[in-house]
N, C-alpha and C. Protein backbone atom coordinates (compact mmCIF):
# COMPACT_ATOMS: atom_id res chain seq x y z
N MET A 1 29.19 -74.42 -15.35
CA MET A 1 27.77 -74.51 -15.93
C MET A 1 26.33 -75.09 -15.24
N ALA A 2 25.47 -74.40 -14.76
CA ALA A 2 23.97 -74.11 -14.13
C ALA A 2 23.33 -75.85 -15.09
N GLU A 3 22.73 -76.35 -13.72
CA GLU A 3 21.65 -77.74 -14.45
C GLU A 3 20.92 -77.07 -15.54
N SER A 4 20.83 -76.10 -15.51
CA SER A 4 19.06 -76.18 -16.29
C SER A 4 20.05 -74.87 -17.55
N GLU A 5 20.67 -74.18 -17.28
CA GLU A 5 21.60 -74.18 -18.62
C GLU A 5 22.33 -75.05 -19.51
N ASP A 6 22.52 -77.10 -18.74
CA ASP A 6 23.35 -77.53 -19.27
C ASP A 6 22.09 -78.26 -19.97
N GLU A 7 21.03 -78.38 -19.29
CA GLU A 7 19.49 -78.82 -20.15
C GLU A 7 18.97 -78.03 -21.30
N ALA A 8 19.51 -76.48 -21.09
CA ALA A 8 18.92 -75.85 -21.93
C ALA A 8 19.46 -75.96 -23.78
N LEU A 9 20.77 -76.33 -22.94
CA LEU A 9 22.07 -76.38 -24.32
C LEU A 9 21.85 -77.33 -25.14
N ASN A 10 21.58 -78.75 -24.05
CA ASN A 10 21.41 -79.88 -24.61
C ASN A 10 20.09 -79.85 -25.59
N LEU A 11 19.24 -79.27 -25.58
CA LEU A 11 17.72 -79.20 -26.27
C LEU A 11 18.21 -78.18 -27.37
N ILE A 12 18.68 -77.72 -27.34
CA ILE A 12 18.96 -76.65 -28.20
C ILE A 12 19.83 -77.55 -29.59
N GLN A 13 20.89 -78.37 -28.51
CA GLN A 13 22.08 -78.76 -29.78
C GLN A 13 21.09 -80.15 -30.52
N SER A 14 19.82 -80.51 -29.59
CA SER A 14 19.58 -81.66 -30.40
C SER A 14 18.46 -81.54 -31.45
N LYS A 15 18.48 -79.77 -31.96
CA LYS A 15 17.80 -80.19 -32.98
C LYS A 15 18.44 -79.24 -33.67
N PRO A 16 19.31 -79.15 -34.57
CA PRO A 16 20.05 -78.42 -35.83
C PRO A 16 19.42 -77.57 -36.47
N GLU A 17 18.04 -77.50 -36.27
CA GLU A 17 17.15 -76.46 -37.37
C GLU A 17 16.65 -75.47 -35.90
N GLY A 18 17.13 -75.17 -34.75
CA GLY A 18 17.12 -74.81 -33.91
C GLY A 18 15.85 -74.73 -33.46
N VAL A 19 15.48 -73.78 -32.08
CA VAL A 19 14.39 -74.06 -31.18
C VAL A 19 14.55 -72.46 -31.21
N LEU A 20 12.58 -72.55 -31.28
CA LEU A 20 12.37 -70.67 -30.50
C LEU A 20 12.06 -70.76 -28.62
N GLN A 21 12.59 -69.49 -29.04
CA GLN A 21 12.59 -69.18 -27.19
C GLN A 21 11.35 -68.97 -26.91
N ASN A 22 10.60 -68.89 -27.22
CA ASN A 22 9.14 -69.01 -26.95
C ASN A 22 8.84 -70.23 -26.52
N GLU A 23 9.70 -71.43 -27.04
CA GLU A 23 9.26 -72.90 -26.98
C GLU A 23 10.15 -73.18 -26.05
N LEU A 24 10.87 -73.11 -26.09
CA LEU A 24 12.10 -73.62 -25.38
C LEU A 24 11.70 -73.14 -23.63
N TRP A 25 11.42 -72.40 -23.22
CA TRP A 25 10.96 -72.27 -21.71
C TRP A 25 9.74 -73.02 -21.77
N LYS A 26 8.65 -73.20 -22.40
CA LYS A 26 7.56 -74.23 -22.50
C LYS A 26 8.05 -75.86 -21.58
N GLU A 27 8.92 -76.10 -23.03
CA GLU A 27 9.95 -77.27 -22.97
C GLU A 27 10.49 -77.95 -21.50
N LEU A 28 11.54 -76.44 -21.14
CA LEU A 28 12.26 -76.79 -19.80
C LEU A 28 11.35 -76.78 -18.59
N GLY A 29 10.10 -76.37 -19.00
CA GLY A 29 9.24 -75.73 -17.09
C GLY A 29 9.91 -74.74 -16.96
N VAL A 30 10.03 -73.72 -17.25
CA VAL A 30 10.43 -72.44 -16.99
C VAL A 30 9.73 -70.96 -17.17
N ASP A 31 10.16 -70.24 -15.87
CA ASP A 31 8.55 -69.03 -17.11
C ASP A 31 9.91 -68.30 -18.03
N SER A 32 9.45 -67.33 -18.44
CA SER A 32 9.82 -66.45 -19.63
C SER A 32 11.16 -65.63 -19.56
N ARG A 33 10.92 -65.02 -18.14
CA ARG A 33 12.22 -64.26 -17.68
C ARG A 33 13.43 -65.22 -17.66
N LYS A 34 13.09 -66.32 -16.39
CA LYS A 34 14.65 -67.02 -16.35
C LYS A 34 14.80 -68.16 -17.71
N CYS A 35 14.06 -68.22 -18.28
CA CYS A 35 14.59 -68.61 -20.05
C CYS A 35 15.22 -67.45 -20.28
N SER A 36 14.97 -66.14 -20.86
CA SER A 36 15.66 -65.20 -20.67
C SER A 36 16.92 -65.36 -20.30
N ARG A 37 17.12 -65.02 -19.38
CA ARG A 37 18.53 -65.64 -18.06
C ARG A 37 19.25 -66.83 -18.93
N ILE A 38 18.55 -67.48 -18.73
CA ILE A 38 19.39 -69.30 -19.62
C ILE A 38 20.13 -68.45 -20.83
N VAL A 39 19.23 -68.39 -21.64
CA VAL A 39 19.25 -67.87 -23.23
C VAL A 39 20.83 -67.28 -22.94
N LYS A 40 20.84 -65.78 -22.46
CA LYS A 40 22.32 -64.74 -22.24
C LYS A 40 22.85 -65.51 -21.85
N LYS A 41 23.26 -66.17 -20.91
CA LYS A 41 23.92 -67.22 -20.22
C LYS A 41 24.30 -67.70 -21.34
N LEU A 42 24.30 -68.40 -22.18
CA LEU A 42 24.12 -69.59 -23.21
C LEU A 42 25.20 -68.46 -24.11
N GLU A 43 24.24 -67.35 -24.64
CA GLU A 43 25.53 -66.32 -26.11
C GLU A 43 26.88 -65.88 -25.77
N GLU A 44 26.24 -65.43 -24.41
CA GLU A 44 27.72 -64.86 -24.33
C GLU A 44 28.53 -66.04 -23.69
N ASN A 45 27.77 -66.62 -23.51
CA ASN A 45 29.95 -67.88 -23.53
C ASN A 45 29.71 -68.53 -24.99
N GLY A 46 29.23 -67.81 -25.98
CA GLY A 46 29.61 -68.49 -27.42
C GLY A 46 28.86 -69.45 -27.66
N LEU A 47 27.76 -70.89 -27.05
CA LEU A 47 27.39 -72.12 -26.77
C LEU A 47 26.30 -71.66 -27.91
N ILE A 48 25.30 -70.63 -28.18
CA ILE A 48 24.22 -70.78 -28.95
C ILE A 48 24.16 -69.02 -29.71
N GLU A 49 23.37 -69.13 -30.81
CA GLU A 49 23.59 -68.09 -31.50
C GLU A 49 21.80 -67.11 -31.61
N ARG A 50 21.66 -66.20 -31.45
CA ARG A 50 20.04 -65.37 -31.12
C ARG A 50 20.26 -65.31 -32.25
N ILE A 51 18.75 -65.64 -33.42
CA ILE A 51 18.42 -65.00 -34.55
C ILE A 51 16.69 -64.85 -34.37
N GLU A 52 16.87 -63.24 -35.03
CA GLU A 52 15.70 -62.58 -34.98
C GLU A 52 14.59 -63.08 -35.45
N TYR A 53 13.36 -63.61 -35.20
CA TYR A 53 12.02 -64.11 -35.78
C TYR A 53 10.75 -64.13 -35.35
N LYS A 54 10.39 -63.80 -36.33
CA LYS A 54 9.10 -63.57 -35.96
C LYS A 54 8.15 -64.74 -36.48
N LYS A 55 7.07 -65.05 -36.10
CA LYS A 55 6.28 -66.04 -35.68
C LYS A 55 5.43 -65.38 -35.59
N ASP A 56 3.76 -66.01 -36.24
CA ASP A 56 2.50 -65.07 -36.83
C ASP A 56 2.27 -63.78 -36.23
N GLY A 57 3.56 -63.21 -36.71
CA GLY A 57 3.93 -61.54 -35.63
C GLY A 57 4.08 -61.68 -34.70
N ILE A 58 4.43 -62.13 -34.07
CA ILE A 58 5.31 -62.34 -32.86
C ILE A 58 6.41 -62.56 -32.69
N LYS A 59 7.57 -61.47 -32.41
CA LYS A 59 8.91 -61.41 -32.10
C LYS A 59 9.15 -62.56 -31.05
N THR A 60 10.22 -63.50 -31.46
CA THR A 60 10.91 -64.10 -30.78
C THR A 60 12.32 -64.62 -31.65
N TYR A 61 12.76 -65.61 -30.88
CA TYR A 61 14.33 -65.19 -31.33
C TYR A 61 14.20 -67.14 -31.65
N LEU A 62 15.55 -67.45 -32.77
CA LEU A 62 15.55 -68.93 -33.61
C LEU A 62 16.66 -69.00 -32.33
N LEU A 63 16.69 -69.76 -31.48
CA LEU A 63 18.08 -70.39 -30.90
C LEU A 63 18.99 -71.87 -32.09
N ARG A 64 20.06 -71.30 -32.06
CA ARG A 64 20.75 -72.81 -32.47
C ARG A 64 22.31 -72.80 -31.52
N ALA A 65 22.49 -73.57 -31.74
CA ALA A 65 23.74 -74.14 -30.82
C ALA A 65 24.69 -73.98 -31.69
N LYS A 66 26.33 -72.85 -31.69
CA LYS A 66 27.29 -72.49 -32.28
C LYS A 66 28.24 -74.10 -32.43
N LYS A 67 28.71 -74.02 -34.10
CA LYS A 67 29.27 -75.39 -34.68
C LYS A 67 31.15 -75.32 -33.25
N ARG A 68 31.35 -75.37 -32.72
CA ARG A 68 32.40 -75.79 -31.77
C ARG A 68 33.66 -76.82 -32.63
N LEU A 69 35.32 -76.10 -32.44
CA LEU A 69 35.93 -76.74 -33.36
C LEU A 69 36.45 -78.07 -32.14
N VAL A 70 36.89 -78.95 -32.80
CA VAL A 70 36.80 -79.62 -31.51
C VAL A 70 38.00 -80.27 -31.07
N ASP A 71 39.02 -80.30 -29.83
CA ASP A 71 39.88 -80.32 -29.13
C ASP A 71 40.27 -81.46 -29.95
N PRO A 72 41.71 -81.00 -30.18
CA PRO A 72 42.78 -82.58 -30.95
C PRO A 72 42.72 -83.04 -29.36
N ASN A 73 42.70 -82.51 -28.37
CA ASN A 73 43.36 -83.96 -27.31
C ASN A 73 42.17 -84.76 -27.21
N PHE A 74 40.71 -84.23 -27.92
CA PHE A 74 40.11 -85.76 -27.72
C PHE A 74 40.33 -86.81 -29.02
N LEU A 75 41.33 -86.21 -29.35
CA LEU A 75 41.03 -86.98 -31.25
C LEU A 75 42.75 -88.51 -30.95
N LEU A 76 43.43 -88.11 -29.49
CA LEU A 76 44.44 -88.78 -28.74
C LEU A 76 44.34 -89.74 -27.75
N SER A 77 45.17 -90.18 -27.86
CA SER A 77 45.43 -90.84 -26.55
C SER A 77 46.84 -90.84 -26.21
N GLY A 78 47.31 -90.24 -25.14
CA GLY A 78 48.74 -90.30 -25.15
C GLY A 78 49.00 -89.54 -26.78
N ASP A 79 50.21 -90.06 -27.62
CA ASP A 79 50.64 -90.18 -28.94
C ASP A 79 49.53 -90.47 -29.44
N GLU A 80 49.05 -91.61 -29.31
CA GLU A 80 48.62 -91.82 -30.61
C GLU A 80 46.79 -91.49 -30.56
N LEU A 81 46.97 -91.56 -31.95
CA LEU A 81 45.56 -90.99 -32.55
C LEU A 81 44.71 -92.10 -32.58
N ILE A 82 43.49 -92.17 -32.07
CA ILE A 82 42.48 -92.80 -32.32
C ILE A 82 42.37 -93.35 -33.98
N PRO A 83 41.58 -94.42 -33.89
CA PRO A 83 41.38 -95.12 -34.92
C PRO A 83 40.58 -94.83 -36.05
N CYS A 84 39.65 -94.49 -35.15
CA CYS A 84 38.44 -93.91 -36.05
C CYS A 84 38.12 -92.47 -36.63
N ILE A 85 39.72 -91.94 -36.74
CA ILE A 85 39.50 -90.88 -37.45
C ILE A 85 39.82 -91.01 -38.99
N GLY A 86 39.48 -91.22 -39.83
CA GLY A 86 39.57 -91.14 -41.10
C GLY A 86 38.70 -92.14 -41.12
N CYS A 87 38.12 -93.22 -40.37
CA CYS A 87 37.58 -94.64 -40.81
C CYS A 87 36.68 -94.44 -41.95
N ASP A 88 35.99 -95.27 -42.53
CA ASP A 88 35.06 -95.32 -43.72
C ASP A 88 33.99 -97.19 -43.20
N LEU A 89 34.74 -97.15 -42.03
CA LEU A 89 34.10 -98.56 -42.03
C LEU A 89 32.58 -98.07 -41.17
N GLU A 90 31.82 -98.44 -41.23
CA GLU A 90 30.59 -98.27 -41.11
C GLU A 90 29.89 -99.62 -40.02
N CYS A 91 30.56 -99.26 -38.40
CA CYS A 91 30.33 -100.47 -37.62
C CYS A 91 29.30 -100.13 -35.37
N ILE A 92 29.49 -100.51 -35.25
CA ILE A 92 28.75 -100.35 -33.91
C ILE A 92 30.18 -100.25 -32.89
N VAL A 93 30.07 -98.93 -32.30
CA VAL A 93 31.36 -98.99 -31.15
C VAL A 93 31.97 -100.15 -30.35
N GLU A 94 30.79 -100.58 -30.25
CA GLU A 94 31.56 -102.09 -28.64
C GLU A 94 31.95 -103.03 -29.79
N GLU A 95 31.52 -102.90 -31.47
CA GLU A 95 31.78 -104.42 -31.61
C GLU A 95 32.85 -103.73 -33.05
N CYS A 96 33.56 -102.63 -32.70
CA CYS A 96 34.52 -102.70 -33.92
C CYS A 96 35.77 -102.95 -33.49
N HIS A 97 36.57 -103.29 -34.58
CA HIS A 97 37.62 -104.58 -34.06
C HIS A 97 38.46 -103.94 -34.42
N PRO A 98 39.24 -102.65 -35.25
CA PRO A 98 40.54 -101.77 -35.15
C PRO A 98 40.20 -101.15 -33.51
N LEU A 99 39.32 -100.64 -33.27
CA LEU A 99 38.98 -99.44 -32.30
C LEU A 99 39.46 -100.99 -30.54
N MET A 100 39.08 -102.01 -30.43
CA MET A 100 38.86 -102.51 -29.97
C MET A 100 40.77 -102.82 -29.26
N ASP A 101 41.26 -103.52 -31.28
CA ASP A 101 42.60 -103.38 -31.22
C ASP A 101 43.59 -102.93 -29.95
N TRP A 102 42.73 -101.27 -30.54
CA TRP A 102 44.18 -100.30 -29.96
C TRP A 102 44.07 -99.84 -28.43
N MET A 103 42.16 -99.68 -28.47
CA MET A 103 42.47 -99.80 -26.47
C MET A 103 42.34 -100.79 -26.15
N TYR A 104 43.27 -101.99 -26.59
CA TYR A 104 43.54 -103.15 -25.84
C TYR A 104 45.73 -102.58 -25.94
N GLN A 105 45.78 -102.64 -27.22
CA GLN A 105 47.27 -102.22 -27.41
C GLN A 105 47.72 -100.66 -26.30
N LEU A 106 46.80 -99.89 -26.39
CA LEU A 106 47.42 -98.83 -25.25
C LEU A 106 46.70 -99.33 -23.88
N ALA A 107 45.77 -100.41 -23.80
CA ALA A 107 46.32 -100.58 -22.26
C ALA A 107 47.16 -101.94 -21.48
N ILE A 108 47.85 -102.44 -23.09
CA ILE A 108 49.37 -103.29 -22.41
C ILE A 108 50.26 -102.14 -22.26
N VAL A 109 50.51 -101.14 -22.91
CA VAL A 109 51.45 -99.68 -23.52
C VAL A 109 51.26 -99.24 -22.22
N HIS A 110 49.86 -98.86 -21.45
CA HIS A 110 49.76 -98.33 -20.05
C HIS A 110 50.01 -99.27 -18.69
N GLN A 111 49.73 -100.63 -18.69
CA GLN A 111 50.08 -100.60 -18.13
C GLN A 111 51.83 -101.48 -18.08
N SER A 112 52.07 -101.88 -19.21
CA SER A 112 53.78 -102.32 -19.02
C SER A 112 54.83 -100.80 -18.63
N ARG A 113 54.12 -99.78 -18.46
CA ARG A 113 54.29 -98.00 -18.42
C ARG A 113 54.98 -98.36 -16.42
N LYS A 114 53.22 -98.69 -16.24
CA LYS A 114 53.25 -98.56 -14.69
C LYS A 114 54.33 -99.26 -14.41
N SER A 115 53.87 -101.47 -14.55
CA SER A 115 54.94 -101.66 -13.96
C SER A 115 56.22 -101.38 -13.93
N LYS A 116 56.50 -100.54 -14.96
CA LYS A 116 57.88 -100.60 -14.77
C LYS A 116 58.42 -99.03 -13.66
N LYS A 117 57.61 -98.29 -13.31
CA LYS A 117 58.12 -97.37 -12.45
C LYS A 117 57.80 -98.15 -10.93
């Protein structure tokens, strides 16, 4: 994905209520034609949805990021499920003891497998 498309997608994703297309190009600092091409690519790739919208009698589009399914591989490290799944602790990631213990355990297992080779 091009840098301008990444920037547009990040901006759209940061606003769950959506972004008006006629405001997006101004925020990106590009002209409306370039913005239209960016939006078209994002829509074709299934990353956003365009909803017809009238503001002050002018037709534009409301752009919203599509919710995507989580890749199960992001929940696993090898065969181990990350401990955060289903965890109801409200913690700071850098200070989470169950997560740190899990990471240390993975490092030990990884190191022992590596040294056996």
